[in-house]
């Protein structure tokens, strides 16, 4: 049985512009099947102009459990739903909206915890990080790095003013460089921009300044092996791809949507499905 054949079936979805590339439905449907939960998860293309109407329509749909939010809606969503956890002040971006039993909508952010999960075993206290981008994903990364005790952050961004504002808001020591600047020496390099994503311009950056023990983390997952990760592997640098964060943040959202803990014991099978 599907959502199409049963209009009352509970469902959640991921919204964005673009959205066809999203692997979130594969992840959530995999978990729903493993847990034998009668529910659905799908994509929904929503442009910035349609976002407010989308939220209004879904709020009246009792079968709708909520949505994951991707580019470019993570900041705009702050003005459309309740924020009981203070996401606006702490992170400044929402990636998950949940419909409550009374029909009210609340937003949260699972990106920060999802980002940190693959690198949480390392000690980042006092170390140097470079973050490419200054949008919604970068805000979650900044929050997570601050929680991890990072020493200093250099933003590489098109908008120096926006990136500087993020550092000031988070009270984190750091600096801002333009996109064409030479990278500083750093222990951790994170691409939190859409550059390198399928359909987007490539990320053109030289990794020469990074030390041999640096870690390169690309949040882009389509394609899975980005140009940035290929360049890092040529240098024998440690890498983390976008699937790790995607699965981590999805697990937290799944529990909010469907009230069940994802069967993480099947992660190897899930990852194989995602890269097929």
C-alpha atoms as a PDB file:
ATOM      1  CA  UNK A   1       0.000   0.000   0.000  1.00  0.00           C
ATOM      2  CA  UNK A   2       1.247   3.512  -0.814  1.00  0.00           C
ATOM      3  CA  UNK A   3       0.313   7.071  -0.029  1.00  0.00           C
ATOM      4  CA  UNK A   4      -1.405   7.238  -3.447  1.00  0.00           C
ATOM      5  CA  UNK A   5      -3.704   4.308  -2.622  1.00  0.00           C
ATOM      6  CA  UNK A   6      -4.263   5.346   1.009  1.00  0.00           C
ATOM      7  CA  UNK A   7      -4.620   9.144   1.428  1.00  0.00           C
ATOM      8  CA  UNK A   8      -4.711   8.730   5.223  1.00  0.00           C
ATOM      9  CA  UNK A   9      -1.300   7.037   5.391  1.00  0.00           C
ATOM     10  CA  UNK A  10       1.157   9.065   7.499  1.00  0.00           C
ATOM     11  CA  UNK A  11       3.936  10.652   5.467  1.00  0.00           C
ATOM     12  CA  UNK A  12       6.858  13.032   5.641  1.00  0.00           C
ATOM     13  CA  UNK A  13       8.926  14.569   2.877  1.00  0.00           C
ATOM     14  CA  UNK A  14      11.970  16.608   1.978  1.00  0.00           C
ATOM     15  CA  UNK A  15      11.540  20.001   0.348  1.00  0.00           C
ATOM     16  CA  UNK A  16      13.975  22.132  -1.596  1.00  0.00           C
ATOM     17  CA  UNK A  17      14.781  23.833  -4.884  1.00  0.00           C
ATOM     18  CA  UNK A  18      16.190  21.752  -6.559  1.00  0.00           C
ATOM     19  CA  UNK A  19      15.121  18.487  -4.910  1.00  0.00           C
ATOM     20  CA  UNK A  20      15.246  15.668  -7.491  1.00  0.00           C
ATOM     21  CA  UNK A  21      18.790  14.724  -6.381  1.00  0.00           C
ATOM     22  CA  UNK A  22      17.779  14.071  -2.763  1.00  0.00           C
ATOM     23  CA  UNK A  23      18.580  10.656  -1.302  1.00  0.00           C
ATOM     24  CA  UNK A  24      16.436  11.264   1.788  1.00  0.00           C
ATOM     25  CA  UNK A  25      13.475   9.201   0.457  1.00  0.00           C
ATOM     26  CA  UNK A  26      15.768   6.195  -0.031  1.00  0.00           C
ATOM     27  CA  UNK A  27      16.953   6.470   3.563  1.00  0.00           C
ATOM     28  CA  UNK A  28      13.579   6.944   5.235  1.00  0.00           C
ATOM     29  CA  UNK A  29      11.800   4.341   3.098  1.00  0.00           C
ATOM     30  CA  UNK A  30      14.581   1.855   3.865  1.00  0.00           C
ATOM     31  CA  UNK A  31      14.024   2.346   7.598  1.00  0.00           C
ATOM     32  CA  UNK A  32      10.230   2.282   7.268  1.00  0.00           C
ATOM     33  CA  UNK A  33      10.418  -1.054   5.465  1.00  0.00           C
ATOM     34  CA  UNK A  34      12.847  -2.556   7.966  1.00  0.00           C
ATOM     35  CA  UNK A  35      10.572  -1.542  10.841  1.00  0.00           C
ATOM     36  CA  UNK A  36       7.361  -2.517   9.016  1.00  0.00           C
ATOM     37  CA  UNK A  37       5.893   0.948   9.580  1.00  0.00           C
ATOM     38  CA  UNK A  38       2.969   1.828   7.312  1.00  0.00           C
ATOM     39  CA  UNK A  39       4.065   5.288   6.246  1.00  0.00           C
ATOM     40  CA  UNK A  40       5.651   7.083   3.307  1.00  0.00           C
ATOM     41  CA  UNK A  41       8.426   9.579   2.640  1.00  0.00           C
ATOM     42  CA  UNK A  42       8.865  11.529  -0.577  1.00  0.00           C
ATOM     43  CA  UNK A  43      10.355  14.586  -2.246  1.00  0.00           C
ATOM     44  CA  UNK A  44       8.450  17.812  -2.857  1.00  0.00           C
ATOM     45  CA  UNK A  45       9.791  20.576  -5.083  1.00  0.00           C
ATOM     46  CA  UNK A  46       9.110  23.902  -3.379  1.00  0.00           C
ATOM     47  CA  UNK A  47      10.420  27.201  -4.714  1.00  0.00           C
ATOM     48  CA  UNK A  48      11.113  30.164  -2.389  1.00  0.00           C
ATOM     49  CA  UNK A  49       7.949  31.872  -3.619  1.00  0.00           C
ATOM     50  CA  UNK A  50       5.878  28.789  -2.734  1.00  0.00           C
ATOM     51  CA  UNK A  51       7.336  28.103   0.712  1.00  0.00           C
ATOM     52  CA  UNK A  52       4.800  29.997   2.823  1.00  0.00           C
ATOM     53  CA  UNK A  53       1.836  28.473   0.962  1.00  0.00           C
ATOM     54  CA  UNK A  54       3.381  25.015   1.251  1.00  0.00           C
ATOM     55  CA  UNK A  55       3.623  25.304   5.042  1.00  0.00           C
ATOM     56  CA  UNK A  56       0.058  26.597   5.300  1.00  0.00           C
ATOM     57  CA  UNK A  57      -1.308  23.701   3.217  1.00  0.00           C
ATOM     58  CA  UNK A  58       0.634  20.999   5.039  1.00  0.00           C
ATOM     59  CA  UNK A  59      -0.305  22.326   8.470  1.00  0.00           C
ATOM     60  CA  UNK A  60      -3.907  21.365   7.722  1.00  0.00           C
ATOM     61  CA  UNK A  61      -3.021  17.836   6.597  1.00  0.00           C
ATOM     62  CA  UNK A  62      -3.340  15.465   9.557  1.00  0.00           C
ATOM     63  CA  UNK A  63      -1.446  12.705   7.716  1.00  0.00           C
ATOM     64  CA  UNK A  64       1.609  14.936   7.221  1.00  0.00           C
ATOM     65  CA  UNK A  65       4.227  14.334   9.914  1.00  0.00           C
ATOM     66  CA  UNK A  66       6.664  17.001   8.811  1.00  0.00           C
ATOM     67  CA  UNK A  67       9.501  17.667   6.414  1.00  0.00           C
ATOM     68  CA  UNK A  68      13.213  17.904   6.060  1.00  0.00           C
ATOM     69  CA  UNK A  69      14.340  21.234   4.652  1.00  0.00           C
ATOM     70  CA  UNK A  70      17.219  21.720   2.241  1.00  0.00           C
ATOM     71  CA  UNK A  71      18.624  24.470   0.008  1.00  0.00           C
ATOM     72  CA  UNK A  72      17.474  27.257  -0.140  1.00  0.00           C
ATOM     73  CA  UNK A  73      14.839  27.218   2.644  1.00  0.00           C
ATOM     74  CA  UNK A  74      16.748  26.611   5.883  1.00  0.00           C
ATOM     75  CA  UNK A  75      16.884  30.255   6.915  1.00  0.00           C
ATOM     76  CA  UNK A  76      13.484  31.330   5.554  1.00  0.00           C
ATOM     77  CA  UNK A  77      11.818  28.546   7.542  1.00  0.00           C
ATOM     78  CA  UNK A  78      12.700  30.339  10.782  1.00  0.00           C
ATOM     79  CA  UNK A  79       9.927  32.839  10.137  1.00  0.00           C
ATOM     80  CA  UNK A  80       7.232  30.271   9.348  1.00  0.00           C
ATOM     81  CA  UNK A  81       7.097  27.817  12.256  1.00  0.00           C
ATOM     82  CA  UNK A  82       7.514  27.808  16.036  1.00  0.00           C
ATOM     83  CA  UNK A  83      11.032  27.635  17.451  1.00  0.00           C
ATOM     84  CA  UNK A  84      10.754  26.194  20.985  1.00  0.00           C
ATOM     85  CA  UNK A  85      14.396  25.128  21.114  1.00  0.00           C
ATOM     86  CA  UNK A  86      15.833  28.527  20.196  1.00  0.00           C
ATOM     87  CA  UNK A  87      17.283  27.348  16.876  1.00  0.00           C
ATOM     88  CA  UNK A  88      17.277  30.916  15.538  1.00  0.00           C
ATOM     89  CA  UNK A  89      19.668  32.118  18.228  1.00  0.00           C
ATOM     90  CA  UNK A  90      21.789  28.957  18.506  1.00  0.00           C
ATOM     91  CA  UNK A  91      22.213  28.043  14.827  1.00  0.00           C
ATOM     92  CA  UNK A  92      20.218  30.409  12.651  1.00  0.00           C
ATOM     93  CA  UNK A  93      18.816  27.753  10.314  1.00  0.00           C
ATOM     94  CA  UNK A  94      16.155  25.028  10.397  1.00  0.00           C
ATOM     95  CA  UNK A  95      16.372  21.759   8.512  1.00  0.00           C
ATOM     96  CA  UNK A  96      13.435  19.888  10.069  1.00  0.00           C
ATOM     97  CA  UNK A  97       9.779  20.785  10.638  1.00  0.00           C
ATOM     98  CA  UNK A  98       7.525  18.548  12.726  1.00  0.00           C
ATOM     99  CA  UNK A  99       3.715  18.625  12.959  1.00  0.00           C
ATOM    100  CA  UNK A 100       2.520  18.272  16.544  1.00  0.00           C
ATOM    101  CA  UNK A 101      -0.590  16.380  17.631  1.00  0.00           C
ATOM    102  CA  UNK A 102      -2.530  19.641  17.950  1.00  0.00           C
ATOM    103  CA  UNK A 103      -1.642  20.620  14.383  1.00  0.00           C
ATOM    104  CA  UNK A 104       0.966  23.213  15.335  1.00  0.00           C
ATOM    105  CA  UNK A 105       4.337  23.172  13.590  1.00  0.00           C
ATOM    106  CA  UNK A 106       7.740  23.355  15.266  1.00  0.00           C
ATOM    107  CA  UNK A 107      11.163  23.560  13.689  1.00  0.00           C
ATOM    108  CA  UNK A 108      14.521  22.224  14.771  1.00  0.00           C
ATOM    109  CA  UNK A 109      17.947  21.457  13.322  1.00  0.00           C
ATOM    110  CA  UNK A 110      19.387  17.951  13.065  1.00  0.00           C
ATOM    111  CA  UNK A 111      22.249  19.000  10.775  1.00  0.00           C
ATOM    112  CA  UNK A 112      24.594  19.962  13.607  1.00  0.00           C
ATOM    113  CA  UNK A 113      24.447  16.590  15.360  1.00  0.00           C
ATOM    114  CA  UNK A 114      24.493  14.778  12.013  1.00  0.00           C
ATOM    115  CA  UNK A 115      27.590  16.673  10.933  1.00  0.00           C
ATOM    116  CA  UNK A 116      29.480  16.021  14.143  1.00  0.00           C
ATOM    117  CA  UNK A 117      28.684  12.302  14.450  1.00  0.00           C
ATOM    118  CA  UNK A 118      31.356  10.980  12.004  1.00  0.00           C
ATOM    119  CA  UNK A 119      34.151  13.038  13.570  1.00  0.00           C
ATOM    120  CA  UNK A 120      33.029  13.076  17.215  1.00  0.00           C
ATOM    121  CA  UNK A 121      35.729  10.592  18.278  1.00  0.00           C
ATOM    122  CA  UNK A 122      38.503  13.068  17.388  1.00  0.00           C
ATOM    123  CA  UNK A 123      39.649  15.834  19.701  1.00  0.00           C
ATOM    124  CA  UNK A 124      39.107  19.188  17.977  1.00  0.00           C
ATOM    125  CA  UNK A 125      39.871  21.338  21.005  1.00  0.00           C
ATOM    126  CA  UNK A 126      41.962  24.334  20.021  1.00  0.00           C
ATOM    127  CA  UNK A 127      42.405  23.199  16.410  1.00  0.00           C
ATOM    128  CA  UNK A 128      41.966  25.124  13.181  1.00  0.00           C
ATOM    129  CA  UNK A 129      39.087  24.633  10.749  1.00  0.00           C
ATOM    130  CA  UNK A 130      38.216  26.083   7.352  1.00  0.00           C
ATOM    131  CA  UNK A 131      34.537  26.230   6.338  1.00  0.00           C
ATOM    132  CA  UNK A 132      33.583  26.902   2.726  1.00  0.00           C
ATOM    133  CA  UNK A 133      30.208  28.624   2.456  1.00  0.00           C
ATOM    134  CA  UNK A 134      28.132  30.769   4.789  1.00  0.00           C
ATOM    135  CA  UNK A 135      24.578  29.489   4.277  1.00  0.00           C
ATOM    136  CA  UNK A 136      22.267  27.299   6.314  1.00  0.00           C
ATOM    137  CA  UNK A 137      24.538  24.248   6.352  1.00  0.00           C
ATOM    138  CA  UNK A 138      27.513  26.365   7.384  1.00  0.00           C
ATOM    139  CA  UNK A 139      25.535  27.721  10.338  1.00  0.00           C
ATOM    140  CA  UNK A 140      24.941  24.189  11.629  1.00  0.00           C
ATOM    141  CA  UNK A 141      28.604  23.307  11.087  1.00  0.00           C
ATOM    142  CA  UNK A 142      29.702  26.402  13.009  1.00  0.00           C
ATOM    143  CA  UNK A 143      27.451  25.498  15.939  1.00  0.00           C
ATOM    144  CA  UNK A 144      28.763  21.920  15.967  1.00  0.00           C
ATOM    145  CA  UNK A 145      32.417  22.996  15.790  1.00  0.00           C
ATOM    146  CA  UNK A 146      31.904  25.408  18.656  1.00  0.00           C
ATOM    147  CA  UNK A 147      30.384  22.588  20.712  1.00  0.00           C
ATOM    148  CA  UNK A 148      33.431  20.465  19.844  1.00  0.00           C
ATOM    149  CA  UNK A 149      35.770  23.146  21.196  1.00  0.00           C
ATOM    150  CA  UNK A 150      37.351  24.224  17.904  1.00  0.00           C
ATOM    151  CA  UNK A 151      40.006  26.865  18.373  1.00  0.00           C
ATOM    152  CA  UNK A 152      39.651  29.024  15.279  1.00  0.00           C
ATOM    153  CA  UNK A 153      37.532  29.003  12.117  1.00  0.00           C
ATOM    154  CA  UNK A 154      38.300  30.565   8.744  1.00  0.00           C
ATOM    155  CA  UNK A 155      35.299  31.062   6.494  1.00  0.00           C
ATOM    156  CA  UNK A 156      35.823  31.024   2.735  1.00  0.00           C
ATOM    157  CA  UNK A 157      32.712  32.657   1.327  1.00  0.00           C
ATOM    158  CA  UNK A 158      31.320  34.854  -1.421  1.00  0.00           C
ATOM    159  CA  UNK A 159      29.746  37.146   1.158  1.00  0.00           C
ATOM    160  CA  UNK A 160      32.387  38.272   3.619  1.00  0.00           C
ATOM    161  CA  UNK A 161      29.784  40.293   5.512  1.00  0.00           C
ATOM    162  CA  UNK A 162      27.536  37.263   6.038  1.00  0.00           C
ATOM    163  CA  UNK A 163      30.435  35.062   7.145  1.00  0.00           C
ATOM    164  CA  UNK A 164      31.723  37.709   9.541  1.00  0.00           C
ATOM    165  CA  UNK A 165      28.250  38.003  11.014  1.00  0.00           C
ATOM    166  CA  UNK A 166      28.191  34.260  11.703  1.00  0.00           C
ATOM    167  CA  UNK A 167      31.475  34.429  13.595  1.00  0.00           C
ATOM    168  CA  UNK A 168      30.301  37.390  15.633  1.00  0.00           C
ATOM    169  CA  UNK A 169      26.945  35.800  16.419  1.00  0.00           C
ATOM    170  CA  UNK A 170      28.615  32.554  17.544  1.00  0.00           C
ATOM    171  CA  UNK A 171      31.389  34.350  19.481  1.00  0.00           C
ATOM    172  CA  UNK A 172      33.992  32.206  17.739  1.00  0.00           C
ATOM    173  CA  UNK A 173      37.526  33.344  16.968  1.00  0.00           C
ATOM    174  CA  UNK A 174      38.105  33.403  13.249  1.00  0.00           C
ATOM    175  CA  UNK A 175      38.549  35.213   9.970  1.00  0.00           C
ATOM    176  CA  UNK A 176      37.004  35.426   6.508  1.00  0.00           C
ATOM    177  CA  UNK A 177      38.599  34.927   3.082  1.00  0.00           C
ATOM    178  CA  UNK A 178      37.213  35.380  -0.442  1.00  0.00           C
ATOM    179  CA  UNK A 179      36.527  32.318  -2.589  1.00  0.00           C
ATOM    180  CA  UNK A 180      39.686  32.747  -4.667  1.00  0.00           C
ATOM    181  CA  UNK A 181      42.029  33.046  -1.677  1.00  0.00           C
ATOM    182  CA  UNK A 182      44.753  30.540  -0.860  1.00  0.00           C
ATOM    183  CA  UNK A 183      43.732  28.222   1.969  1.00  0.00           C
ATOM    184  CA  UNK A 184      45.376  28.695   5.336  1.00  0.00           C
ATOM    185  CA  UNK A 185      46.923  25.760   7.157  1.00  0.00           C
ATOM    186  CA  UNK A 186      44.127  23.882   8.932  1.00  0.00           C
ATOM    187  CA  UNK A 187      43.366  20.606  10.664  1.00  0.00           C
ATOM    188  CA  UNK A 188      39.865  20.341   9.190  1.00  0.00           C
ATOM    189  CA  UNK A 189      38.430  21.538   5.876  1.00  0.00           C
ATOM    190  CA  UNK A 190      34.648  21.447   5.386  1.00  0.00           C
ATOM    191  CA  UNK A 191      32.731  22.208   2.224  1.00  0.00           C
ATOM    192  CA  UNK A 192      29.371  23.473   3.469  1.00  0.00           C
ATOM    193  CA  UNK A 193      28.464  25.052   0.133  1.00  0.00           C
ATOM    194  CA  UNK A 194      26.605  23.538  -2.847  1.00  0.00           C
ATOM    195  CA  UNK A 195      29.714  23.894  -5.012  1.00  0.00           C
ATOM    196  CA  UNK A 196      30.636  20.557  -6.522  1.00  0.00           C
ATOM    197  CA  UNK A 197      27.053  19.291  -6.359  1.00  0.00           C
ATOM    198  CA  UNK A 198      25.509  17.847  -9.509  1.00  0.00           C
ATOM    199  CA  UNK A 199      24.203  20.782 -11.548  1.00  0.00           C
ATOM    200  CA  UNK A 200      26.248  23.340  -9.614  1.00  0.00           C
ATOM    201  CA  UNK A 201      29.632  24.921 -10.459  1.00  0.00           C
ATOM    202  CA  UNK A 202      32.712  22.955  -9.333  1.00  0.00           C
ATOM    203  CA  UNK A 203      34.595  23.863  -6.191  1.00  0.00           C
ATOM    204  CA  UNK A 204      37.966  25.099  -7.419  1.00  0.00           C
ATOM    205  CA  UNK A 205      40.388  25.091  -4.536  1.00  0.00           C
ATOM    206  CA  UNK A 206      43.972  23.976  -3.952  1.00  0.00           C
ATOM    207  CA  UNK A 207      44.691  21.768  -0.946  1.00  0.00           C
ATOM    208  CA  UNK A 208      48.470  22.312  -0.908  1.00  0.00           C
ATOM    209  CA  UNK A 209      48.487  24.319   2.373  1.00  0.00           C
ATOM    210  CA  UNK A 210      46.783  21.516   4.324  1.00  0.00           C
ATOM    211  CA  UNK A 211      49.079  19.338   6.466  1.00  0.00           C
ATOM    212  CA  UNK A 212      49.304  15.607   5.812  1.00  0.00           C
ATOM    213  CA  UNK A 213      47.125  14.785   8.831  1.00  0.00           C
ATOM    214  CA  UNK A 214      44.272  17.127   7.852  1.00  0.00           C
ATOM    215  CA  UNK A 215      40.709  15.864   7.413  1.00  0.00           C
ATOM    216  CA  UNK A 216      38.593  16.932   4.420  1.00  0.00           C
ATOM    217  CA  UNK A 217      34.814  16.751   4.894  1.00  0.00           C
ATOM    218  CA  UNK A 218      32.433  17.438   2.006  1.00  0.00           C
ATOM    219  CA  UNK A 219      28.746  17.805   2.859  1.00  0.00           C
ATOM    220  CA  UNK A 220      27.809  17.332  -0.804  1.00  0.00           C
ATOM    221  CA  UNK A 221      26.570  13.800  -1.501  1.00  0.00           C
ATOM    222  CA  UNK A 222      25.510  14.003  -5.157  1.00  0.00           C
ATOM    223  CA  UNK A 223      27.925  13.007  -6.554  1.00  0.00           C
ATOM    224  CA  UNK A 224      29.258  11.030  -3.618  1.00  0.00           C
ATOM    225  CA  UNK A 225      32.878  11.422  -4.671  1.00  0.00           C
ATOM    226  CA  UNK A 226      33.214  15.116  -5.377  1.00  0.00           C
ATOM    227  CA  UNK A 227      36.148  16.828  -6.995  1.00  0.00           C
ATOM    228  CA  UNK A 228      37.198  18.009  -3.541  1.00  0.00           C
ATOM    229  CA  UNK A 229      37.298  14.479  -2.146  1.00  0.00           C
ATOM    230  CA  UNK A 230      39.167  13.167  -5.199  1.00  0.00           C
ATOM    231  CA  UNK A 231      41.797  15.865  -4.728  1.00  0.00           C
ATOM    232  CA  UNK A 232      42.066  15.038  -1.014  1.00  0.00           C
ATOM    233  CA  UNK A 233      42.488  11.327  -1.730  1.00  0.00           C
ATOM    234  CA  UNK A 234      45.306  12.105  -4.181  1.00  0.00           C
ATOM    235  CA  UNK A 235      47.070  13.728  -1.237  1.00  0.00           C
ATOM    236  CA  UNK A 236      46.273  10.711   0.975  1.00  0.00           C
ATOM    237  CA  UNK A 237      44.277  12.958   3.287  1.00  0.00           C
ATOM    238  CA  UNK A 238      41.527  11.498   5.482  1.00  0.00           C
ATOM    239  CA  UNK A 239      38.069  12.204   4.055  1.00  0.00           C
ATOM    240  CA  UNK A 240      34.426  12.128   5.137  1.00  0.00           C
ATOM    241  CA  UNK A 241      31.731  12.191   2.463  1.00  0.00           C
ATOM    242  CA  UNK A 242      28.265  13.694   2.587  1.00  0.00           C
ATOM    243  CA  UNK A 243      26.446  10.415   3.253  1.00  0.00           C
ATOM    244  CA  UNK A 244      27.699  10.264   6.828  1.00  0.00           C
ATOM    245  CA  UNK A 245      26.068  13.567   7.724  1.00  0.00           C
ATOM    246  CA  UNK A 246      22.997  12.795   5.613  1.00  0.00           C
ATOM    247  CA  UNK A 247      22.329   9.521   7.422  1.00  0.00           C
ATOM    248  CA  UNK A 248      23.101  11.020  10.829  1.00  0.00           C
ATOM    249  CA  UNK A 249      20.714  13.951  10.511  1.00  0.00           C
ATOM    250  CA  UNK A 250      18.076  11.729   8.885  1.00  0.00           C
ATOM    251  CA  UNK A 251      18.108   9.348  11.850  1.00  0.00           C
ATOM    252  CA  UNK A 252      17.185  12.167  14.228  1.00  0.00           C
ATOM    253  CA  UNK A 253      14.442  13.441  11.907  1.00  0.00           C
ATOM    254  CA  UNK A 254      13.026   9.929  11.381  1.00  0.00           C
ATOM    255  CA  UNK A 255      12.433   9.539  15.098  1.00  0.00           C
ATOM    256  CA  UNK A 256      10.647  12.892  15.224  1.00  0.00           C
ATOM    257  CA  UNK A 257       8.440  12.050  12.230  1.00  0.00           C
ATOM    258  CA  UNK A 258       7.584   8.429  12.938  1.00  0.00           C
ATOM    259  CA  UNK A 259       8.246   7.936  16.656  1.00  0.00           C
ATOM    260  CA  UNK A 260      10.693   5.076  16.151  1.00  0.00           C
ATOM    261  CA  UNK A 261      14.459   4.681  16.336  1.00  0.00           C
ATOM    262  CA  UNK A 262      15.988   3.814  12.938  1.00  0.00           C
ATOM    263  CA  UNK A 263      17.532   0.319  12.691  1.00  0.00           C
ATOM    264  CA  UNK A 264      21.139   1.523  12.527  1.00  0.00           C
ATOM    265  CA  UNK A 265      22.394  -2.067  12.519  1.00  0.00           C
ATOM    266  CA  UNK A 266      21.568  -2.025   8.796  1.00  0.00           C
ATOM    267  CA  UNK A 267      23.816   0.983   8.027  1.00  0.00           C
ATOM    268  CA  UNK A 268      26.173  -0.976   5.775  1.00  0.00           C
ATOM    269  CA  UNK A 269      23.247  -2.193   3.669  1.00  0.00           C
ATOM    270  CA  UNK A 270      21.761   1.300   3.549  1.00  0.00           C
ATOM    271  CA  UNK A 271      25.004   2.886   2.444  1.00  0.00           C
ATOM    272  CA  UNK A 272      25.404   0.273  -0.288  1.00  0.00           C
ATOM    273  CA  UNK A 273      21.912   1.136  -1.525  1.00  0.00           C
ATOM    274  CA  UNK A 274      22.696   4.842  -1.530  1.00  0.00           C
ATOM    275  CA  UNK A 275      25.839   4.516  -3.619  1.00  0.00           C
ATOM    276  CA  UNK A 276      24.334   2.051  -6.128  1.00  0.00           C
END
